Amino acid sequence: EDLGYSHDRMLFYSTGDVSEEVFDVLLYILLGEDGAVGAGLQSQLHGAHVSGDHDAKRSMHERYYHRTMTRLIEHVDEFLASLDELERIANYGAQEATGRYPRLPLILRHNEFVRRIFLKVRARQAPLV
């Protein structure tokens, strides 16, 4: 939000690639967790972003690369665990649930599609950590 990105630009691609916006937001969040020093760095990142200073942004991304990638993989793993839990719950009473919620099979297929994307992201990005 502070960087001006809309949610529809937070993308994980079917190739396992991740949009630049996701990395910008992750870095911005990480910097904010570092207290007063981080707030100053957040301000620097924000300034570089709004002014189009790609070199300054790239420099910050390089400096915090490992932390950003670690956070990305943590997010992917947490999301995959959530999908697993949702699938477990849905399958527990699948017969009854499908009758009550006719769109449940569609939701489960969508969740499986998302799972495949996240697994590709993890496979592509995790070795970089």
Foldseek 3Di string as FASTA:
>chain_A
DLLPDDPVQQDQDLQLDTGPVVLLVLLLVVLVVPPPRSVVVNVVSSVCSVVVVVVSNVVSCVVCVVVSLVVLLVVLVVLLVVLVVVVVVCVVPVVVVCVVPVCVVVVNVVSVVVNSSSVSNCVVRVVVD
